[in-house]
Amino acid sequence: MSTYSAPGTVALVLYFMVGPVAASTPAEVARAEYDEVMALTPDPERGRAVYLTCSVCHRPEGWGTPDGAYPQIAGQLPTVIIKQLADIRARNRDNPLMYPFSVPSILGGSQGIADVAAYVASLPMTPHNGLGPGNDLELGQKLYEDNCVKCHGKLGEGNPEEHMPAVAGQHYQYLMRQFDAIRSGRRLNSDPKMVKQIEGFTPREQAAVLDYTARLRPPQEKLAQEGWLNPDFPHFVRPTVPEPPPFPEMPEPPAIPEMPAMPEMPATPAPTRR
């Protein structure tokens, strides 16, 4: 017998506990599955097989892409991965691209979430995540210390009990996209306190604090060695991912050419008297 929960287990539980699922909010459905997953014993080896579906976008190493199209998920806290997967498939987080890959018929039931979260959390992180321009880091540090430390930690390590994500080593462009989604309300599962906290950030402040955040270094033991490839996927054809273009530097103003010296006018000969 399969150890995976049958698709719809959480929905059935909610039906008998609180009535028809249609009357439950997406947040309640997601919370019920989160609690169900947390009560299970994860199997990272089975999670490796489940992760094959995820590797298409997040890559076998779980590093995503430096341009921020896909986040780095390697080394993320298991509770964070579990919550986000439960939220996405309960439609408590709107992610049309990922939703089809998260449904029970593809990812598995609650046991599938537990297994893949354990596997992803065990992957070493890239030491070369995408960074910002690096020209306003002093302001970024002050903003991070004043606004972000309480939830995400001084070193960006996150909080597993509160499923606050680790942000150290995340791609700068991905952080920028999520900041915008949280502030605008498009990310439905955002912490209301964070939405209120960041609503007044200027574009300069947003870029500065997220550039600083992307430069926070995870512990050395969580980072992959140079040239590491995930040995669990030896036959995976890894597409070449171009590095994002460098941020343009302001050109030096062109030098003003010196005006050529005016040629001397020949002396006018004195008129001859006749």
C-alpha atoms as a PDB file:
ATOM      1  CA  MET A   1       0.000   0.000   0.000  1.00  0.00           C
ATOM      2  CA  SER A   2       1.257   3.462  -0.843  1.00  0.00           C
ATOM      3  CA  THR A   3       2.313   5.644   2.084  1.00  0.00           C
ATOM      4  CA  TYR A   4       1.128   8.758   0.258  1.00  0.00           C
ATOM      5  CA  SER A   5      -2.073  10.364   1.464  1.00  0.00           C
ATOM      6  CA  ALA A   6      -4.894  10.005  -1.008  1.00  0.00           C
ATOM      7  CA  PRO A   7      -5.641  13.195  -2.928  1.00  0.00           C
ATOM      8  CA  GLY A   8      -8.328  15.150  -1.170  1.00  0.00           C
ATOM      9  CA  THR A   9      -7.635  13.754   2.313  1.00  0.00           C
ATOM     10  CA  VAL A  10      -7.503  17.204   3.827  1.00  0.00           C
ATOM     11  CA  ALA A  11     -10.657  18.261   2.015  1.00  0.00           C
ATOM     12  CA  LEU A  12     -12.535  15.246   3.401  1.00  0.00           C
ATOM     13  CA  VAL A  13     -11.324  15.939   6.925  1.00  0.00           C
ATOM     14  CA  LEU A  14     -12.471  19.531   6.632  1.00  0.00           C
ATOM     15  CA  TYR A  15     -15.827  18.400   5.279  1.00  0.00           C
ATOM     16  CA  PHE A  16     -16.568  16.275   8.347  1.00  0.00           C
ATOM     17  CA  MET A  17     -15.130  18.845  10.757  1.00  0.00           C
ATOM     18  CA  VAL A  18     -16.486  22.130   9.445  1.00  0.00           C
ATOM     19  CA  GLY A  19     -18.949  21.253   6.694  1.00  0.00           C
ATOM     20  CA  PRO A  20     -18.567  21.551   2.915  1.00  0.00           C
ATOM     21  CA  VAL A  21     -15.121  22.549   1.801  1.00  0.00           C
ATOM     22  CA  ALA A  22     -16.603  25.354  -0.282  1.00  0.00           C
ATOM     23  CA  ALA A  23     -17.427  27.086   3.010  1.00  0.00           C
ATOM     24  CA  SER A  24     -13.777  26.912   4.132  1.00  0.00           C
ATOM     25  CA  THR A  25     -11.305  29.575   3.171  1.00  0.00           C
ATOM     26  CA  PRO A  26      -8.151  28.714   1.197  1.00  0.00           C
ATOM     27  CA  ALA A  27      -6.126  29.676   4.269  1.00  0.00           C
ATOM     28  CA  GLU A  28      -8.029  27.133   6.384  1.00  0.00           C
ATOM     29  CA  VAL A  29      -7.561  24.381   3.809  1.00  0.00           C
ATOM     30  CA  ALA A  30      -3.854  25.150   3.604  1.00  0.00           C
ATOM     31  CA  ARG A  31      -3.478  25.238   7.376  1.00  0.00           C
ATOM     32  CA  ALA A  32      -5.163  21.843   7.710  1.00  0.00           C
ATOM     33  CA  GLU A  33      -2.766  20.288   5.213  1.00  0.00           C
ATOM     34  CA  TYR A  34       0.221  21.977   6.854  1.00  0.00           C
ATOM     35  CA  ASP A  35      -0.735  20.426  10.195  1.00  0.00           C
ATOM     36  CA  GLU A  36      -1.228  17.045   8.539  1.00  0.00           C
ATOM     37  CA  VAL A  37       2.192  17.177   6.881  1.00  0.00           C
ATOM     38  CA  MET A  38       3.924  18.236  10.090  1.00  0.00           C
ATOM     39  CA  ALA A  39       2.578  15.151  11.840  1.00  0.00           C
ATOM     40  CA  LEU A  40       4.270  12.840   9.300  1.00  0.00           C
ATOM     41  CA  THR A  41       7.777  11.386   9.239  1.00  0.00           C
ATOM     42  CA  PRO A  42       9.521  12.603   6.083  1.00  0.00           C
ATOM     43  CA  ASP A  43      11.521  10.310   3.817  1.00  0.00           C
ATOM     44  CA  PRO A  44      14.173  12.363   1.943  1.00  0.00           C
ATOM     45  CA  GLU A  45      15.003   9.436  -0.346  1.00  0.00           C
ATOM     46  CA  ARG A  46      11.429   9.307  -1.583  1.00  0.00           C
ATOM     47  CA  GLY A  47      11.585  13.087  -1.741  1.00  0.00           C
ATOM     48  CA  ARG A  48      14.391  12.772  -4.291  1.00  0.00           C
ATOM     49  CA  ALA A  49      12.001  10.979  -6.648  1.00  0.00           C
ATOM     50  CA  VAL A  50       9.287  13.568  -6.040  1.00  0.00           C
ATOM     51  CA  TYR A  51      11.760  16.369  -6.701  1.00  0.00           C
ATOM     52  CA  LEU A  52      12.227  15.265 -10.305  1.00  0.00           C
ATOM     53  CA  THR A  53       9.081  17.266 -11.104  1.00  0.00           C
ATOM     54  CA  CYS A  54      10.472  20.351  -9.372  1.00  0.00           C
ATOM     55  CA  SER A  55      13.900  20.124 -10.993  1.00  0.00           C
ATOM     56  CA  VAL A  56      12.568  21.207 -14.386  1.00  0.00           C
ATOM     57  CA  CYS A  57      12.240  24.805 -13.166  1.00  0.00           C
ATOM     58  CA  HIS A  58      14.317  24.953  -9.986  1.00  0.00           C
ATOM     59  CA  ARG A  59      17.143  22.870 -11.545  1.00  0.00           C
ATOM     60  CA  PRO A  60      18.544  19.651 -10.008  1.00  0.00           C
ATOM     61  CA  GLU A  61      20.590  21.671  -7.524  1.00  0.00           C
ATOM     62  CA  GLY A  62      17.564  23.688  -6.359  1.00  0.00           C
ATOM     63  CA  TRP A  63      19.350  26.950  -7.148  1.00  0.00           C
ATOM     64  CA  GLY A  64      16.758  28.509  -9.422  1.00  0.00           C
ATOM     65  CA  THR A  65      18.113  31.179 -11.770  1.00  0.00           C
ATOM     66  CA  PRO A  66      20.169  34.297 -10.981  1.00  0.00           C
ATOM     67  CA  ASP A  67      17.718  36.461 -12.931  1.00  0.00           C
ATOM     68  CA  GLY A  68      15.087  35.679 -10.299  1.00  0.00           C
ATOM     69  CA  ALA A  69      12.674  33.896 -12.631  1.00  0.00           C
ATOM     70  CA  TYR A  70      12.873  30.945 -10.218  1.00  0.00           C
ATOM     71  CA  PRO A  71      13.990  31.222  -6.598  1.00  0.00           C
ATOM     72  CA  GLN A  72      16.721  29.299  -4.897  1.00  0.00           C
ATOM     73  CA  ILE A  73      14.931  26.715  -2.752  1.00  0.00           C
ATOM     74  CA  ALA A  74      17.957  24.596  -1.787  1.00  0.00           C
ATOM     75  CA  GLY A  75      18.607  24.789   1.937  1.00  0.00           C
ATOM     76  CA  GLN A  76      15.285  26.483   2.682  1.00  0.00           C
ATOM     77  CA  LEU A  77      13.625  25.668   6.010  1.00  0.00           C
ATOM     78  CA  PRO A  78      11.347  22.605   5.709  1.00  0.00           C
ATOM     79  CA  THR A  79       8.453  24.357   7.434  1.00  0.00           C
ATOM     80  CA  VAL A  80       8.644  27.172   4.886  1.00  0.00           C
ATOM     81  CA  ILE A  81       8.595  24.760   1.943  1.00  0.00           C
ATOM     82  CA  ILE A  82       5.664  22.864   3.445  1.00  0.00           C
ATOM     83  CA  LYS A  83       3.652  26.019   4.073  1.00  0.00           C
ATOM     84  CA  GLN A  84       4.245  27.426   0.597  1.00  0.00           C
ATOM     85  CA  LEU A  85       3.301  24.158  -1.128  1.00  0.00           C
ATOM     86  CA  ALA A  86       0.152  23.831   0.986  1.00  0.00           C
ATOM     87  CA  ASP A  87      -0.753  27.465   0.272  1.00  0.00           C
ATOM     88  CA  ILE A  88      -0.178  27.145  -3.475  1.00  0.00           C
ATOM     89  CA  ARG A  89      -2.312  24.067  -3.938  1.00  0.00           C
ATOM     90  CA  ALA A  90      -5.067  25.437  -1.684  1.00  0.00           C
ATOM     91  CA  ARG A  91      -4.962  28.635  -3.812  1.00  0.00           C
ATOM     92  CA  ASN A  92      -3.963  30.630  -0.743  1.00  0.00           C
ATOM     93  CA  ARG A  93      -0.955  31.794  -2.774  1.00  0.00           C
ATOM     94  CA  ASP A  94      -1.572  32.620  -6.398  1.00  0.00           C
ATOM     95  CA  ASN A  95       1.130  30.965  -8.514  1.00  0.00           C
ATOM     96  CA  PRO A  96      -0.375  29.823 -11.842  1.00  0.00           C
ATOM     97  CA  LEU A  97       2.952  28.502 -13.126  1.00  0.00           C
ATOM     98  CA  MET A  98       3.625  26.268 -10.135  1.00  0.00           C
ATOM     99  CA  TYR A  99       0.091  25.244  -9.254  1.00  0.00           C
ATOM    100  CA  PRO A 100      -0.193  22.397 -11.839  1.00  0.00           C
ATOM    101  CA  PHE A 101       3.016  20.833 -10.492  1.00  0.00           C
ATOM    102  CA  SER A 102       1.882  21.043  -6.874  1.00  0.00           C
ATOM    103  CA  VAL A 103      -1.422  19.182  -7.119  1.00  0.00           C
ATOM    104  CA  PRO A 104      -1.678  15.774  -5.381  1.00  0.00           C
ATOM    105  CA  SER A 105      -1.892  13.859  -8.676  1.00  0.00           C
ATOM    106  CA  ILE A 106       1.601  15.146  -9.571  1.00  0.00           C
ATOM    107  CA  LEU A 107       3.371  15.863  -6.294  1.00  0.00           C
ATOM    108  CA  GLY A 108       1.591  13.305  -4.146  1.00  0.00           C
ATOM    109  CA  GLY A 109      -0.496  13.827  -1.055  1.00  0.00           C
ATOM    110  CA  SER A 110       0.632  15.190   2.278  1.00  0.00           C
ATOM    111  CA  GLN A 111       3.399  12.591   2.516  1.00  0.00           C
ATOM    112  CA  GLY A 112       4.753  13.798  -0.805  1.00  0.00           C
ATOM    113  CA  ILE A 113       5.035  17.328   0.558  1.00  0.00           C
ATOM    114  CA  ALA A 114       6.803  16.089   3.690  1.00  0.00           C
ATOM    115  CA  ASP A 115       9.278  14.040   1.653  1.00  0.00           C
ATOM    116  CA  VAL A 116      10.165  16.651  -0.959  1.00  0.00           C
ATOM    117  CA  ALA A 117      10.503  19.392   1.685  1.00  0.00           C
ATOM    118  CA  ALA A 118      13.035  17.285   3.575  1.00  0.00           C
ATOM    119  CA  TYR A 119      14.974  16.580   0.376  1.00  0.00           C
ATOM    120  CA  VAL A 120      15.063  20.207  -0.773  1.00  0.00           C
ATOM    121  CA  ALA A 121      16.117  21.436   2.672  1.00  0.00           C
ATOM    122  CA  SER A 122      19.110  19.056   2.539  1.00  0.00           C
ATOM    123  CA  LEU A 123      20.491  20.435  -0.748  1.00  0.00           C
ATOM    124  CA  PRO A 124      23.540  22.720  -0.510  1.00  0.00           C
ATOM    125  CA  MET A 125      23.039  26.296  -1.664  1.00  0.00           C
ATOM    126  CA  THR A 126      24.784  28.097  -4.480  1.00  0.00           C
ATOM    127  CA  PRO A 127      27.561  30.449  -3.326  1.00  0.00           C
ATOM    128  CA  HIS A 128      26.849  32.648  -6.362  1.00  0.00           C
ATOM    129  CA  ASN A 129      23.294  33.896  -6.103  1.00  0.00           C
ATOM    130  CA  GLY A 130      22.132  36.899  -8.100  1.00  0.00           C
ATOM    131  CA  LEU A 131      23.038  40.246  -6.523  1.00  0.00           C
ATOM    132  CA  GLY A 132      22.008  43.856  -6.958  1.00  0.00           C
ATOM    133  CA  PRO A 133      24.119  46.854  -7.985  1.00  0.00           C
ATOM    134  CA  GLY A 134      25.860  47.143  -4.603  1.00  0.00           C
ATOM    135  CA  ASN A 135      25.880  50.928  -4.500  1.00  0.00           C
ATOM    136  CA  ASP A 136      23.588  51.598  -1.507  1.00  0.00           C
ATOM    137  CA  LEU A 137      24.479  48.888   0.991  1.00  0.00           C
ATOM    138  CA  GLU A 138      24.886  51.135   4.019  1.00  0.00           C
ATOM    139  CA  LEU A 139      21.266  52.264   3.682  1.00  0.00           C
ATOM    140  CA  GLY A 140      20.230  48.665   2.986  1.00  0.00           C
ATOM    141  CA  GLN A 141      21.859  47.424   6.173  1.00  0.00           C
ATOM    142  CA  LYS A 142      20.111  50.051   8.283  1.00  0.00           C
ATOM    143  CA  LEU A 143      16.736  49.257   6.732  1.00  0.00           C
ATOM    144  CA  TYR A 144      17.256  45.520   7.212  1.00  0.00           C
ATOM    145  CA  GLU A 145      18.243  45.914  10.852  1.00  0.00           C
ATOM    146  CA  ASP A 146      15.312  48.238  11.540  1.00  0.00           C
ATOM    147  CA  ASN A 147      12.636  46.261   9.677  1.00  0.00           C
ATOM    148  CA  CYS A 148      13.611  42.666   8.897  1.00  0.00           C
ATOM    149  CA  VAL A 149      15.699  41.197  11.720  1.00  0.00           C
ATOM    150  CA  LYS A 150      12.776  40.388  14.014  1.00  0.00           C
ATOM    151  CA  CYS A 151      11.225  37.931  11.547  1.00  0.00           C
ATOM    152  CA  HIS A 152      14.008  36.868   9.171  1.00  0.00           C
ATOM    153  CA  GLY A 153      16.897  36.922  11.642  1.00  0.00           C
ATOM    154  CA  LYS A 154      20.076  38.975  11.850  1.00  0.00           C
ATOM    155  CA  LEU A 155      21.816  36.773   9.275  1.00  0.00           C
ATOM    156  CA  GLY A 156      18.718  36.100   7.171  1.00  0.00           C
ATOM    157  CA  GLU A 157      18.371  32.601   8.617  1.00  0.00           C
ATOM    158  CA  GLY A 158      14.578  32.685   8.982  1.00  0.00           C
ATOM    159  CA  ASN A 159      12.426  31.199  11.732  1.00  0.00           C
ATOM    160  CA  PRO A 160      11.251  27.576  11.410  1.00  0.00           C
ATOM    161  CA  GLU A 161       8.633  27.790  14.171  1.00  0.00           C
ATOM    162  CA  GLU A 162       6.948  30.772  12.532  1.00  0.00           C
ATOM    163  CA  HIS A 163       7.751  29.452   9.003  1.00  0.00           C
ATOM    164  CA  MET A 164       9.511  32.724   8.194  1.00  0.00           C
ATOM    165  CA  PRO A 165      11.727  32.032   5.177  1.00  0.00           C
ATOM    166  CA  ALA A 166      15.483  32.174   5.189  1.00  0.00           C
ATOM    167  CA  VAL A 167      16.408  35.018   2.845  1.00  0.00           C
ATOM    168  CA  ALA A 168      20.208  34.874   3.001  1.00  0.00           C
ATOM    169  CA  GLY A 169      21.606  33.901  -0.390  1.00  0.00           C
ATOM    170  CA  GLN A 170      18.333  34.412  -2.243  1.00  0.00           C
ATOM    171  CA  HIS A 171      18.443  35.983  -5.710  1.00  0.00           C
ATOM    172  CA  TYR A 172      18.107  39.764  -5.657  1.00  0.00           C
ATOM    173  CA  GLN A 173      15.691  39.912  -8.594  1.00  0.00           C
ATOM    174  CA  TYR A 174      13.436  37.282  -7.001  1.00  0.00           C
ATOM    175  CA  LEU A 175      13.374  39.264  -3.751  1.00  0.00           C
ATOM    176  CA  MET A 176      12.414  42.354  -5.753  1.00  0.00           C
ATOM    177  CA  ARG A 177       9.511  40.529  -7.440  1.00  0.00           C
ATOM    178  CA  GLN A 178       8.183  39.132  -4.178  1.00  0.00           C
ATOM    179  CA  PHE A 179       8.495  42.485  -2.409  1.00  0.00           C
ATOM    180  CA  ASP A 180       6.302  44.014  -5.112  1.00  0.00           C
ATOM    181  CA  ALA A 181       3.811  41.131  -4.922  1.00  0.00           C
ATOM    182  CA  ILE A 182       3.555  41.390  -1.137  1.00  0.00           C
ATOM    183  CA  ARG A 183       3.124  45.158  -1.083  1.00  0.00           C
ATOM    184  CA  SER A 184       0.492  45.115  -3.840  1.00  0.00           C
ATOM    185  CA  GLY A 185      -1.503  42.290  -2.231  1.00  0.00           C
ATOM    186  CA  ARG A 186      -0.930  39.871  -5.138  1.00  0.00           C
ATOM    187  CA  ARG A 187       0.778  37.402  -2.812  1.00  0.00           C
ATOM    188  CA  LEU A 188      -2.266  36.303  -0.857  1.00  0.00           C
ATOM    189  CA  ASN A 189      -0.466  34.477   1.943  1.00  0.00           C
ATOM    190  CA  SER A 190       1.664  37.467   2.939  1.00  0.00           C
ATOM    191  CA  ASP A 191       2.090  38.359   6.585  1.00  0.00           C
ATOM    192  CA  PRO A 192      -0.210  41.389   7.123  1.00  0.00           C
ATOM    193  CA  LYS A 193       2.398  42.927   9.428  1.00  0.00           C
ATOM    194  CA  MET A 194       4.957  42.859   6.622  1.00  0.00           C
ATOM    195  CA  VAL A 195       2.526  44.351   4.128  1.00  0.00           C
ATOM    196  CA  LYS A 196       1.969  47.303   6.450  1.00  0.00           C
ATOM    197  CA  GLN A 197       5.659  47.591   7.288  1.00  0.00           C
ATOM    198  CA  ILE A 198       6.896  47.904   3.712  1.00  0.00           C
ATOM    199  CA  GLU A 199       4.081  49.916   2.160  1.00  0.00           C
ATOM    200  CA  GLY A 200       5.988  53.196   2.532  1.00  0.00           C
ATOM    201  CA  PHE A 201       9.326  52.045   1.140  1.00  0.00           C
ATOM    202  CA  THR A 202      10.637  54.176  -1.703  1.00  0.00           C
ATOM    203  CA  PRO A 203      12.118  52.481  -4.792  1.00  0.00           C
ATOM    204  CA  ARG A 204      15.581  53.406  -3.543  1.00  0.00           C
ATOM    205  CA  GLU A 205      14.915  51.883  -0.111  1.00  0.00           C
ATOM    206  CA  GLN A 206      13.468  48.701  -1.632  1.00  0.00           C
ATOM    207  CA  ALA A 207      16.473  48.185  -3.893  1.00  0.00           C
ATOM    208  CA  ALA A 208      18.920  48.953  -1.081  1.00  0.00           C
ATOM    209  CA  VAL A 209      17.457  46.615   1.536  1.00  0.00           C
ATOM    210  CA  LEU A 210      17.010  43.715  -0.885  1.00  0.00           C
ATOM    211  CA  ASP A 211      20.509  44.126  -2.307  1.00  0.00           C
ATOM    212  CA  TYR A 212      21.843  43.948   1.250  1.00  0.00           C
ATOM    213  CA  THR A 213      19.628  40.928   1.961  1.00  0.00           C
ATOM    214  CA  ALA A 214      20.846  39.036  -1.104  1.00  0.00           C
ATOM    215  CA  ARG A 215      24.431  39.551   0.093  1.00  0.00           C
ATOM    216  CA  LEU A 216      23.823  37.950   3.498  1.00  0.00           C
ATOM    217  CA  ARG A 217      25.854  34.722   3.525  1.00  0.00           C
ATOM    218  CA  PRO A 218      24.395  31.423   4.725  1.00  0.00           C
ATOM    219  CA  PRO A 219      26.633  29.357   7.012  1.00  0.00           C
ATOM    220  CA  GLN A 220      29.589  27.860   5.166  1.00  0.00           C
ATOM    221  CA  GLU A 221      28.344  24.331   5.790  1.00  0.00           C
ATOM    222  CA  LYS A 222      25.159  25.105   3.858  1.00  0.00           C
ATOM    223  CA  LEU A 223      27.017  26.215   0.731  1.00  0.00           C
ATOM    224  CA  ALA A 224      27.981  23.928  -2.145  1.00  0.00           C
ATOM    225  CA  GLN A 225      31.576  23.466  -3.223  1.00  0.00           C
ATOM    226  CA  GLU A 226      32.642  25.174  -6.426  1.00  0.00           C
ATOM    227  CA  GLY A 227      31.504  23.170  -9.442  1.00  0.00           C
ATOM    228  CA  TRP A 228      29.129  20.947  -7.449  1.00  0.00           C
ATOM    229  CA  LEU A 229      26.380  19.211  -9.423  1.00  0.00           C
ATOM    230  CA  ASN A 230      23.637  17.181  -7.833  1.00  0.00           C
ATOM    231  CA  PRO A 231      24.729  13.525  -8.210  1.00  0.00           C
ATOM    232  CA  ASP A 232      21.117  12.371  -7.812  1.00  0.00           C
ATOM    233  CA  PHE A 233      20.439  13.581 -11.370  1.00  0.00           C
ATOM    234  CA  PRO A 234      23.439  12.431 -13.434  1.00  0.00           C
ATOM    235  CA  HIS A 235      21.554  12.372 -16.728  1.00  0.00           C
ATOM    236  CA  PHE A 236      19.770  15.686 -16.370  1.00  0.00           C
ATOM    237  CA  VAL A 237      20.592  17.996 -19.270  1.00  0.00           C
ATOM    238  CA  ARG A 238      21.260  21.313 -17.615  1.00  0.00           C
ATOM    239  CA  PRO A 239      20.459  24.249 -19.873  1.00  0.00           C
ATOM    240  CA  THR A 240      22.950  27.058 -19.926  1.00  0.00           C
ATOM    241  CA  VAL A 241      21.561  29.849 -17.817  1.00  0.00           C
ATOM    242  CA  PRO A 242      23.020  33.199 -18.836  1.00  0.00           C
ATOM    243  CA  GLU A 243      24.091  35.461 -16.034  1.00  0.00           C
ATOM    244  CA  PRO A 244      21.930  38.568 -15.719  1.00  0.00           C
ATOM    245  CA  PRO A 245      23.562  41.573 -17.377  1.00  0.00           C
ATOM    246  CA  PRO A 246      25.560  43.768 -15.010  1.00  0.00           C
ATOM    247  CA  PHE A 247      23.905  46.879 -13.737  1.00  0.00           C
ATOM    248  CA  PRO A 248      24.981  49.756 -15.988  1.00  0.00           C
ATOM    249  CA  GLU A 249      27.423  52.226 -14.548  1.00  0.00           C
ATOM    250  CA  MET A 250      26.926  55.889 -15.128  1.00  0.00           C
ATOM    251  CA  PRO A 251      29.327  56.956 -17.867  1.00  0.00           C
ATOM    252  CA  GLU A 252      31.891  59.619 -17.181  1.00  0.00           C
ATOM    253  CA  PRO A 253      30.877  62.908 -18.757  1.00  0.00           C
ATOM    254  CA  PRO A 254      32.805  63.488 -21.960  1.00  0.00           C
ATOM    255  CA  ALA A 255      35.759  65.796 -21.707  1.00  0.00           C
ATOM    256  CA  ILE A 256      35.164  69.198 -23.190  1.00  0.00           C
ATOM    257  CA  PRO A 257      37.709  69.656 -25.969  1.00  0.00           C
ATOM    258  CA  GLU A 258      39.953  72.617 -25.705  1.00  0.00           C
ATOM    259  CA  MET A 259      39.236  75.375 -28.157  1.00  0.00           C
ATOM    260  CA  PRO A 260      42.016  75.679 -30.689  1.00  0.00           C
ATOM    261  CA  ALA A 261      44.057  78.828 -30.421  1.00  0.00           C
ATOM    262  CA  MET A 262      42.961  81.565 -32.727  1.00  0.00           C
ATOM    263  CA  PRO A 263      45.505  82.071 -35.508  1.00  0.00           C
ATOM    264  CA  GLU A 264      47.341  85.344 -35.418  1.00  0.00           C
ATOM    265  CA  MET A 265      46.093  87.840 -37.946  1.00  0.00           C
ATOM    266  CA  PRO A 266      48.817  89.133 -40.262  1.00  0.00           C
ATOM    267  CA  ALA A 267      49.756  92.715 -39.625  1.00  0.00           C
ATOM    268  CA  THR A 268      48.046  95.174 -41.947  1.00  0.00           C
ATOM    269  CA  PRO A 269      50.698  97.102 -43.843  1.00  0.00           C
ATOM    270  CA  ALA A 270      50.631 100.821 -43.349  1.00  0.00           C
ATOM    271  CA  PRO A 271      49.200 102.684 -46.317  1.00  0.00           C
ATOM    272  CA  THR A 272      51.825 104.267 -48.562  1.00  0.00           C
ATOM    273  CA  ARG A 273      51.605 107.941 -49.183  1.00  0.00           C
ATOM    274  CA  ARG A 274      51.876 109.163 -52.705  1.00  0.00           C
END
